[in-house]
Amino acid sequence: MKKSVYVLGFIALFILSTGLMFKSMHWPFAGIITVVGFVLFNFMFLPTLFYKLYKSK
């Protein structure tokens, strides 16, 4: 579980940073990639991380 949380976080941040780089270069699909990165980070990574931290206490 611990490793999967970190892998999910890495993937989410990688997609988000790629989208932001595309946005700064004004390349196509930048908005879609950025939104997908934010959704992965906010609705998949953070709840999983907080659940893991809550269960470890």
PDB file of N, CA and C in Angstrom:
ATOM      1  N   MET A   1       0.827  -1.196   0.000  1.00  0.00           N
ATOM      2  CA  MET A   1       0.000   0.000   0.000  1.00  0.00           C
ATOM      3  C   MET A   1       0.866   1.253   0.000  1.00  0.00           C
ATOM      4  N   LYS A   2       1.936   1.247   0.789  1.00  0.00           N
ATOM      5  CA  LYS A   2       2.777   2.430   0.893  1.00  0.00           C
ATOM      6  C   LYS A   2       3.424   2.757  -0.451  1.00  0.00           C
ATOM      7  N   LYS A   3       3.927   1.733  -1.120  1.00  0.00           N
ATOM      8  CA  LYS A   3       4.592   1.965  -2.392  1.00  0.00           C
ATOM      9  C   LYS A   3       3.595   2.437  -3.446  1.00  0.00           C
ATOM     10  N   SER A   4       2.396   1.879  -3.439  1.00  0.00           N
ATOM     11  CA  SER A   4       1.401   2.277  -4.436  1.00  0.00           C
ATOM     12  C   SER A   4       0.962   3.724  -4.244  1.00  0.00           C
ATOM     13  N   VAL A   5       0.925   4.199  -2.999  1.00  0.00           N
ATOM     14  CA  VAL A   5       0.569   5.600  -2.739  1.00  0.00           C
ATOM     15  C   VAL A   5       1.622   6.520  -3.340  1.00  0.00           C
ATOM     16  N   TYR A   6       2.871   6.190  -3.149  1.00  0.00           N
ATOM     17  CA  TYR A   6       3.937   7.036  -3.676  1.00  0.00           C
ATOM     18  C   TYR A   6       4.000   6.985  -5.202  1.00  0.00           C
ATOM     19  N   VAL A   7       3.748   5.830  -5.783  1.00  0.00           N
ATOM     20  CA  VAL A   7       3.724   5.722  -7.244  1.00  0.00           C
ATOM     21  C   VAL A   7       2.574   6.543  -7.811  1.00  0.00           C
ATOM     22  N   LEU A   8       1.409   6.468  -7.181  1.00  0.00           N
ATOM     23  CA  LEU A   8       0.261   7.262  -7.618  1.00  0.00           C
ATOM     24  C   LEU A   8       0.560   8.757  -7.515  1.00  0.00           C
ATOM     25  N   GLY A   9       1.208   9.174  -6.451  1.00  0.00           N
ATOM     26  CA  GLY A   9       1.587  10.578  -6.295  1.00  0.00           C
ATOM     27  C   GLY A   9       2.581  11.022  -7.343  1.00  0.00           C
ATOM     28  N   PHE A  10       3.552  10.165  -7.649  1.00  0.00           N
ATOM     29  CA  PHE A  10       4.529  10.503  -8.673  1.00  0.00           C
ATOM     30  C   PHE A  10       3.863  10.653 -10.032  1.00  0.00           C
ATOM     31  N   ILE A  11       2.978   9.728 -10.368  1.00  0.00           N
ATOM     32  CA  ILE A  11       2.286   9.789 -11.659  1.00  0.00           C
ATOM     33  C   ILE A  11       1.425  11.043 -11.741  1.00  0.00           C
ATOM     34  N   ALA A  12       0.704  11.352 -10.670  1.00  0.00           N
ATOM     35  CA  ALA A  12      -0.160  12.534 -10.662  1.00  0.00           C
ATOM     36  C   ALA A  12       0.658  13.811 -10.820  1.00  0.00           C
ATOM     37  N   LEU A  13       1.751  13.918 -10.092  1.00  0.00           N
ATOM     38  CA  LEU A  13       2.569  15.122 -10.200  1.00  0.00           C
ATOM     39  C   LEU A  13       3.289  15.208 -11.538  1.00  0.00           C
ATOM     40  N   PHE A  14       3.655  14.069 -12.106  1.00  0.00           N
ATOM     41  CA  PHE A  14       4.280  14.074 -13.426  1.00  0.00           C
ATOM     42  C   PHE A  14       3.302  14.569 -14.487  1.00  0.00           C
ATOM     43  N   ILE A  15       2.067  14.071 -14.447  1.00  0.00           N
ATOM     44  CA  ILE A  15       1.055  14.510 -15.409  1.00  0.00           C
ATOM     45  C   ILE A  15       0.747  15.988 -15.206  1.00  0.00           C
ATOM     46  N   LEU A  16       0.643  16.413 -13.960  1.00  0.00           N
ATOM     47  CA  LEU A  16       0.357  17.813 -13.667  1.00  0.00           C
ATOM     48  C   LEU A  16       1.479  18.724 -14.148  1.00  0.00           C
ATOM     49  N   SER A  17       2.716  18.359 -13.899  1.00  0.00           N
ATOM     50  CA  SER A  17       3.835  19.193 -14.343  1.00  0.00           C
ATOM     51  C   SER A  17       3.964  19.194 -15.860  1.00  0.00           C
ATOM     52  N   THR A  18       3.651  18.075 -16.497  1.00  0.00           N
ATOM     53  CA  THR A  18       3.653  18.039 -17.961  1.00  0.00           C
ATOM     54  C   THR A  18       2.586  18.970 -18.517  1.00  0.00           C
ATOM     55  N   GLY A  19       1.400  18.954 -17.918  1.00  0.00           N
ATOM     56  CA  GLY A  19       0.332  19.849 -18.351  1.00  0.00           C
ATOM     57  C   GLY A  19       0.697  21.305 -18.170  1.00  0.00           C
ATOM     58  N   LEU A  20       1.341  21.629 -17.051  1.00  0.00           N
ATOM     59  CA  LEU A  20       1.751  23.013 -16.823  1.00  0.00           C
ATOM     60  C   LEU A  20       2.849  23.438 -17.791  1.00  0.00           C
ATOM     61  N   MET A  21       3.740  22.514 -18.139  1.00  0.00           N
ATOM     62  CA  MET A  21       4.760  22.836 -19.133  1.00  0.00           C
ATOM     63  C   MET A  21       4.116  23.076 -20.494  1.00  0.00           C
ATOM     64  N   PHE A  22       3.153  22.220 -20.865  1.00  0.00           N
ATOM     65  CA  PHE A  22       2.426  22.415 -22.115  1.00  0.00           C
ATOM     66  C   PHE A  22       1.706  23.757 -22.101  1.00  0.00           C
ATOM     67  N   LYS A  23       1.140  24.120 -20.949  1.00  0.00           N
ATOM     68  CA  LYS A  23       0.403  25.379 -20.820  1.00  0.00           C
ATOM     69  C   LYS A  23       1.336  26.570 -21.022  1.00  0.00           C
ATOM     70  N   SER A  24       2.536  26.498 -20.478  1.00  0.00           N
ATOM     71  CA  SER A  24       3.472  27.614 -20.625  1.00  0.00           C
ATOM     72  C   SER A  24       3.976  27.750 -22.058  1.00  0.00           C
ATOM     73  N   MET A  25       3.989  26.637 -22.804  1.00  0.00           N
ATOM     74  CA  MET A  25       4.422  26.676 -24.201  1.00  0.00           C
ATOM     75  C   MET A  25       3.264  26.920 -25.171  1.00  0.00           C
ATOM     76  N   HIS A  26       2.029  26.997 -24.623  1.00  0.00           N
ATOM     77  CA  HIS A  26       0.817  27.188 -25.434  1.00  0.00           C
ATOM     78  C   HIS A  26       0.635  26.066 -26.450  1.00  0.00           C
ATOM     79  N   TRP A  27       0.923  24.838 -26.022  1.00  0.00           N
ATOM     80  CA  TRP A  27       0.743  23.677 -26.878  1.00  0.00           C
ATOM     81  C   TRP A  27      -0.681  23.150 -26.739  1.00  0.00           C
ATOM     82  N   PRO A  28      -1.143  22.394 -27.735  1.00  0.00           N
ATOM     83  CA  PRO A  28      -2.517  21.873 -27.653  1.00  0.00           C
ATOM     84  C   PRO A  28      -2.669  20.829 -26.540  1.00  0.00           C
ATOM     85  N   PHE A  29      -3.912  20.688 -26.065  1.00  0.00           N
ATOM     86  CA  PHE A  29      -4.303  19.738 -25.016  1.00  0.00           C
ATOM     87  C   PHE A  29      -3.693  20.049 -23.655  1.00  0.00           C
ATOM     88  N   ALA A  30      -3.152  21.244 -23.479  1.00  0.00           N
ATOM     89  CA  ALA A  30      -2.545  21.599 -22.195  1.00  0.00           C
ATOM     90  C   ALA A  30      -3.586  21.660 -21.093  1.00  0.00           C
ATOM     91  N   GLY A  31      -4.741  22.202 -21.388  1.00  0.00           N
ATOM     92  CA  GLY A  31      -5.795  22.304 -20.378  1.00  0.00           C
ATOM     93  C   GLY A  31      -6.292  20.950 -19.926  1.00  0.00           C
ATOM     94  N   ILE A  32      -6.454  20.040 -20.879  1.00  0.00           N
ATOM     95  CA  ILE A  32      -6.939  18.696 -20.548  1.00  0.00           C
ATOM     96  C   ILE A  32      -5.924  17.957 -19.678  1.00  0.00           C
ATOM     97  N   ILE A  33      -4.659  18.035 -20.037  1.00  0.00           N
ATOM     98  CA  ILE A  33      -3.617  17.344 -19.271  1.00  0.00           C
ATOM     99  C   ILE A  33      -3.514  17.927 -17.864  1.00  0.00           C
ATOM    100  N   THR A  34      -3.617  19.249 -17.754  1.00  0.00           N
ATOM    101  CA  THR A  34      -3.550  19.891 -16.444  1.00  0.00           C
ATOM    102  C   THR A  34      -4.728  19.482 -15.566  1.00  0.00           C
ATOM    103  N   VAL A  35      -5.926  19.449 -16.139  1.00  0.00           N
ATOM    104  CA  VAL A  35      -7.109  19.047 -15.372  1.00  0.00           C
ATOM    105  C   VAL A  35      -6.996  17.594 -14.926  1.00  0.00           C
ATOM    106  N   VAL A  36      -6.528  16.724 -15.799  1.00  0.00           N
ATOM    107  CA  VAL A  36      -6.349  15.313 -15.428  1.00  0.00           C
ATOM    108  C   VAL A  36      -5.334  15.195 -14.283  1.00  0.00           C
ATOM    109  N   GLY A  37      -4.258  15.961 -14.349  1.00  0.00           N
ATOM    110  CA  GLY A  37      -3.274  15.942 -13.270  1.00  0.00           C
ATOM    111  C   GLY A  37      -3.846  16.420 -11.950  1.00  0.00           C
ATOM    112  N   PHE A  38      -4.625  17.518 -11.984  1.00  0.00           N
ATOM    113  CA  PHE A  38      -5.258  18.016 -10.760  1.00  0.00           C
ATOM    114  C   PHE A  38      -6.256  17.011 -10.197  1.00  0.00           C
ATOM    115  N   VAL A  39      -7.037  16.384 -11.060  1.00  0.00           N
ATOM    116  CA  VAL A  39      -8.025  15.402 -10.598  1.00  0.00           C
ATOM    117  C   VAL A  39      -7.329  14.203  -9.962  1.00  0.00           C
ATOM    118  N   LEU A  40      -6.286  13.701 -10.603  1.00  0.00           N
ATOM    119  CA  LEU A  40      -5.546  12.576 -10.022  1.00  0.00           C
ATOM    120  C   LEU A  40      -4.958  12.946  -8.666  1.00  0.00           C
ATOM    121  N   PHE A  41      -4.384  14.128  -8.601  1.00  0.00           N
ATOM    122  CA  PHE A  41      -3.733  14.538  -7.360  1.00  0.00           C
ATOM    123  C   PHE A  41      -4.744  14.774  -6.248  1.00  0.00           C
ATOM    124  N   ASN A  42      -5.812  15.513  -6.539  1.00  0.00           N
ATOM    125  CA  ASN A  42      -6.760  15.910  -5.492  1.00  0.00           C
ATOM    126  C   ASN A  42      -7.751  14.827  -5.107  1.00  0.00           C
ATOM    127  N   PHE A  43      -8.163  13.994  -6.045  1.00  0.00           N
ATOM    128  CA  PHE A  43      -9.217  13.028  -5.752  1.00  0.00           C
ATOM    129  C   PHE A  43      -8.733  11.590  -5.643  1.00  0.00           C
ATOM    130  N   MET A  44      -7.471  11.336  -5.954  1.00  0.00           N
ATOM    131  CA  MET A  44      -6.956   9.972  -5.808  1.00  0.00           C
ATOM    132  C   MET A  44      -5.756   9.927  -4.860  1.00  0.00           C
ATOM    133  N   PHE A  45      -4.772  10.798  -5.074  1.00  0.00           N
ATOM    134  CA  PHE A  45      -3.558  10.723  -4.267  1.00  0.00           C
ATOM    135  C   PHE A  45      -3.774  11.234  -2.843  1.00  0.00           C
ATOM    136  N   LEU A  46      -4.310  12.436  -2.691  1.00  0.00           N
ATOM    137  CA  LEU A  46      -4.457  13.008  -1.353  1.00  0.00           C
ATOM    138  C   LEU A  46      -5.373  12.194  -0.441  1.00  0.00           C
ATOM    139  N   PRO A  47      -6.565  11.757  -0.901  1.00  0.00           N
ATOM    140  CA  PRO A  47      -7.376  10.920   0.002  1.00  0.00           C
ATOM    141  C   PRO A  47      -6.687   9.612   0.385  1.00  0.00           C
ATOM    142  N   THR A  48      -5.990   9.007  -0.560  1.00  0.00           N
ATOM    143  CA  THR A  48      -5.278   7.762  -0.259  1.00  0.00           C
ATOM    144  C   THR A  48      -4.162   8.006   0.746  1.00  0.00           C
ATOM    145  N   LEU A  49      -3.450   9.097   0.589  1.00  0.00           N
ATOM    146  CA  LEU A  49      -2.376   9.431   1.522  1.00  0.00           C
ATOM    147  C   LEU A  49      -2.927   9.703   2.916  1.00  0.00           C
ATOM    148  N   PHE A  50      -3.994  10.498   3.005  1.00  0.00           N
ATOM    149  CA  PHE A  50      -4.568  10.800   4.314  1.00  0.00           C
ATOM    150  C   PHE A  50      -5.160   9.555   4.968  1.00  0.00           C
ATOM    151  N   TYR A  51      -5.739   8.669   4.183  1.00  0.00           N
ATOM    152  CA  TYR A  51      -6.262   7.415   4.726  1.00  0.00           C
ATOM    153  C   TYR A  51      -5.127   6.568   5.290  1.00  0.00           C
ATOM    154  N   LYS A  52      -4.023   6.505   4.554  1.00  0.00           N
ATOM    155  CA  LYS A  52      -2.871   5.738   5.013  1.00  0.00           C
ATOM    156  C   LYS A  52      -2.312   6.330   6.301  1.00  0.00           C
ATOM    157  N   LEU A  53      -2.215   7.654   6.378  1.00  0.00           N
ATOM    158  CA  LEU A  53      -1.716   8.294   7.589  1.00  0.00           C
ATOM    159  C   LEU A  53      -2.675   8.098   8.763  1.00  0.00           C
ATOM    160  N   TYR A  54      -3.979   8.127   8.487  1.00  0.00           N
ATOM    161  CA  TYR A  54      -4.978   7.923   9.539  1.00  0.00           C
ATOM    162  C   TYR A  54      -4.916   6.494  10.084  1.00  0.00           C
ATOM    163  N   LYS A  55      -4.747   5.519   9.188  1.00  0.00           N
ATOM    164  CA  LYS A  55      -4.695   4.119   9.609  1.00  0.00           C
ATOM    165  C   LYS A  55      -3.409   3.800  10.373  1.00  0.00           C
ATOM    166  N   SER A  56      -2.336   4.532  10.111  1.00  0.00           N
ATOM    167  CA  SER A  56      -1.071   4.236  10.779  1.00  0.00           C
ATOM    168  C   SER A  56      -1.047   4.735  12.222  1.00  0.00           C
ATOM    169  N   LYS A  57      -1.974   5.630  12.587  1.00  0.00           N
ATOM    170  CA  LYS A  57      -1.992   6.149  13.963  1.00  0.00           C
ATOM    171  C   LYS A  57      -2.699   5.243  14.898  1.00  0.00           C
TER     172      LYS A  57
END
